[in-house]
Amino acid sequence: MVELIVGKKGKGKTKVLLDKVNGAIKNVNGSIVYLDKSTKHMYELNNKIRLIDVSGYPIINADEFVGFICGIISQDHDLEQIYLDSFLTTAKLEGLDISGTLEQLEEIGEKFGISFIISVSLDKEEIPAEFQDKIATAL
């Protein structure tokens, strides 16, 4: 499953994502991973949530980012949710079409029973038509 939180930069997507992840920790039996472009929000996350600073890894393109996600999943069989902040930056998709990567994440989520909650710095109208129904919050 893919769920999108959309809006231009500075609209408050990260706050929505942080509130969502900290609320989710009470309702999941497995583990939660939060991917971000830095460790800036480390102290705003519940200590049961694993924060991964993606900028510390040599990811060059979206395909490598998806491989990185698969590596995380392969190491944690209890993983239930992955939160992706700054998606365009961490997935190396700035200025590119996000459809293919979102489709891959949707397939991975279905196969392994993982929910992806993703913050995307685009307006609702800029999200591809096939993912309009995945928008949970538009700011």
Protein backbone atom coordinates (compact mmCIF):
# COMPACT_ATOMS: atom_id res chain seq x y z
CA MET A 1 0.00 0.00 0.00
CA VAL A 2 1.15 3.49 -0.84
CA GLU A 3 -0.24 6.58 0.90
CA LEU A 4 0.80 10.07 -0.21
CA ILE A 5 1.10 13.32 1.70
CA VAL A 6 1.46 16.05 -0.92
CA GLY A 7 2.08 19.79 -1.04
CA LYS A 8 4.77 22.24 -2.02
CA LYS A 9 7.90 22.67 0.07
CA GLY A 10 7.26 24.39 3.41
CA LYS A 11 3.55 23.48 3.65
CA GLY A 12 3.94 21.22 6.73
CA LYS A 13 4.15 17.73 5.22
CA THR A 14 6.91 16.63 7.60
CA LYS A 15 4.84 17.58 10.65
CA VAL A 16 1.92 15.54 9.30
CA LEU A 17 4.27 12.61 8.62
CA LEU A 18 5.85 12.81 12.10
CA ASP A 19 2.43 12.94 13.79
CA LYS A 20 1.30 9.96 11.72
CA VAL A 21 4.37 7.83 12.46
CA ASN A 22 4.37 8.61 16.19
CA GLY A 23 0.66 7.75 16.35
CA ALA A 24 1.16 4.53 14.39
CA ILE A 25 3.70 3.09 16.83
CA LYS A 26 0.84 2.36 19.26
CA ASN A 27 -1.10 0.32 16.70
CA VAL A 28 1.52 -1.85 14.98
CA ASN A 29 2.88 -5.19 16.13
CA GLY A 30 5.93 -5.10 13.89
CA SER A 31 8.56 -2.47 13.25
CA ILE A 32 8.52 0.94 11.57
CA VAL A 33 11.29 2.59 9.56
CA TYR A 34 11.48 6.33 8.85
CA LEU A 35 13.69 7.37 5.91
CA ASP A 36 14.83 10.98 5.64
CA LYS A 37 17.53 13.08 3.99
CA SER A 38 19.10 13.91 7.39
CA THR A 39 18.86 13.13 11.11
CA LYS A 40 17.24 16.51 11.80
CA HIS A 41 14.00 14.96 13.11
CA MET A 42 15.66 12.28 15.25
CA TYR A 43 14.39 13.69 18.54
CA GLU A 44 10.85 14.15 17.25
CA LEU A 45 10.46 10.42 16.58
CA ASN A 46 9.45 7.79 19.12
CA ASN A 47 12.54 5.77 20.08
CA LYS A 48 10.91 2.57 18.78
CA ILE A 49 11.03 3.95 15.24
CA ARG A 50 14.20 3.29 13.26
CA LEU A 51 15.44 6.46 11.54
CA ILE A 52 17.66 6.00 8.50
CA ASP A 53 19.51 8.98 7.05
CA VAL A 54 19.52 8.09 3.35
CA SER A 55 22.07 10.80 2.49
CA GLY A 56 24.80 8.65 4.07
CA TYR A 57 24.43 6.00 1.35
CA PRO A 58 25.72 6.23 -2.24
CA ILE A 59 22.33 6.19 -3.97
CA ILE A 60 22.57 7.64 -7.47
CA ASN A 61 19.10 7.05 -8.97
CA ALA A 62 15.58 5.84 -8.23
CA ASP A 63 16.38 2.23 -9.13
CA GLU A 64 19.16 2.16 -6.56
CA PHE A 65 16.77 3.73 -4.04
CA VAL A 66 14.25 0.92 -4.61
CA GLY A 67 17.10 -1.58 -4.16
CA PHE A 68 17.98 0.16 -0.89
CA ILE A 69 14.35 -0.22 0.26
CA CYS A 70 14.42 -3.92 -0.66
CA GLY A 71 17.60 -4.34 1.38
CA ILE A 72 15.88 -2.83 4.42
CA ILE A 73 12.89 -5.14 3.94
CA SER A 74 15.10 -8.22 3.56
CA GLN A 75 16.71 -7.54 6.94
CA ASP A 76 13.51 -7.04 8.93
CA HIS A 77 10.77 -9.64 8.57
CA ASP A 78 8.60 -7.81 11.13
CA LEU A 79 8.57 -4.58 9.12
CA GLU A 80 5.04 -3.18 8.74
CA GLN A 81 5.46 0.45 7.71
CA ILE A 82 8.05 2.60 5.95
CA TYR A 83 7.72 6.38 6.14
CA LEU A 84 9.52 8.34 3.44
CA ASP A 85 10.14 12.03 4.07
CA SER A 86 11.61 14.25 1.35
CA PHE A 87 10.77 11.54 -1.19
CA LEU A 88 11.88 13.42 -4.30
CA THR A 89 15.30 14.09 -2.74
CA THR A 90 15.93 10.70 -1.12
CA ALA A 91 14.72 8.73 -4.16
CA LYS A 92 16.67 10.96 -6.59
CA LEU A 93 13.48 11.91 -8.43
CA GLU A 94 13.65 15.72 -8.39
CA GLY A 95 12.32 16.95 -11.73
CA LEU A 96 11.58 13.40 -12.90
CA ASP A 97 8.44 11.28 -13.34
CA ILE A 98 7.62 9.53 -10.06
CA SER A 99 5.12 7.02 -11.51
CA GLY A 100 7.51 4.11 -12.07
CA THR A 101 9.01 4.32 -8.59
CA LEU A 102 5.59 4.60 -6.92
CA GLU A 103 4.41 1.57 -8.92
CA GLN A 104 7.43 -0.42 -7.74
CA LEU A 105 6.79 0.57 -4.12
CA GLU A 106 3.13 -0.40 -4.50
CA GLU A 107 4.14 -3.86 -5.79
CA ILE A 108 6.74 -4.32 -3.04
CA GLY A 109 4.20 -3.26 -0.41
CA GLU A 110 1.64 -5.76 -1.65
CA LYS A 111 4.16 -8.59 -1.89
CA PHE A 112 5.63 -8.10 1.60
CA GLY A 113 2.64 -6.62 3.44
CA ILE A 114 4.27 -3.23 4.02
CA SER A 115 2.65 0.19 3.95
CA PHE A 116 4.58 3.10 2.47
CA ILE A 117 3.61 6.55 3.73
CA ILE A 118 5.33 9.08 1.50
CA SER A 119 5.74 12.86 1.68
CA VAL A 120 6.03 14.35 -1.82
CA SER A 121 6.85 18.02 -2.52
CA LEU A 122 4.36 18.39 -5.36
CA ASP A 123 0.91 19.90 -5.53
CA LYS A 124 -2.02 17.49 -5.75
CA GLU A 125 -2.47 18.39 -9.43
CA GLU A 126 1.14 17.38 -10.19
CA ILE A 127 0.68 13.84 -8.89
CA PRO A 128 0.15 11.33 -11.75
CA ALA A 129 -3.53 10.49 -12.36
CA GLU A 130 -3.09 6.82 -11.43
CA PHE A 131 -1.98 7.85 -7.91
CA GLN A 132 -4.62 10.50 -7.18
CA ASP A 133 -6.58 7.98 -5.09
CA LYS A 134 -3.47 7.35 -2.95
CA ILE A 135 -3.39 10.95 -1.68
CA ALA A 136 -4.25 10.91 2.04
CA THR A 137 -3.37 14.54 2.75
CA ALA A 138 -2.98 17.48 0.39
CA LEU A 139 -1.54 20.69 1.86
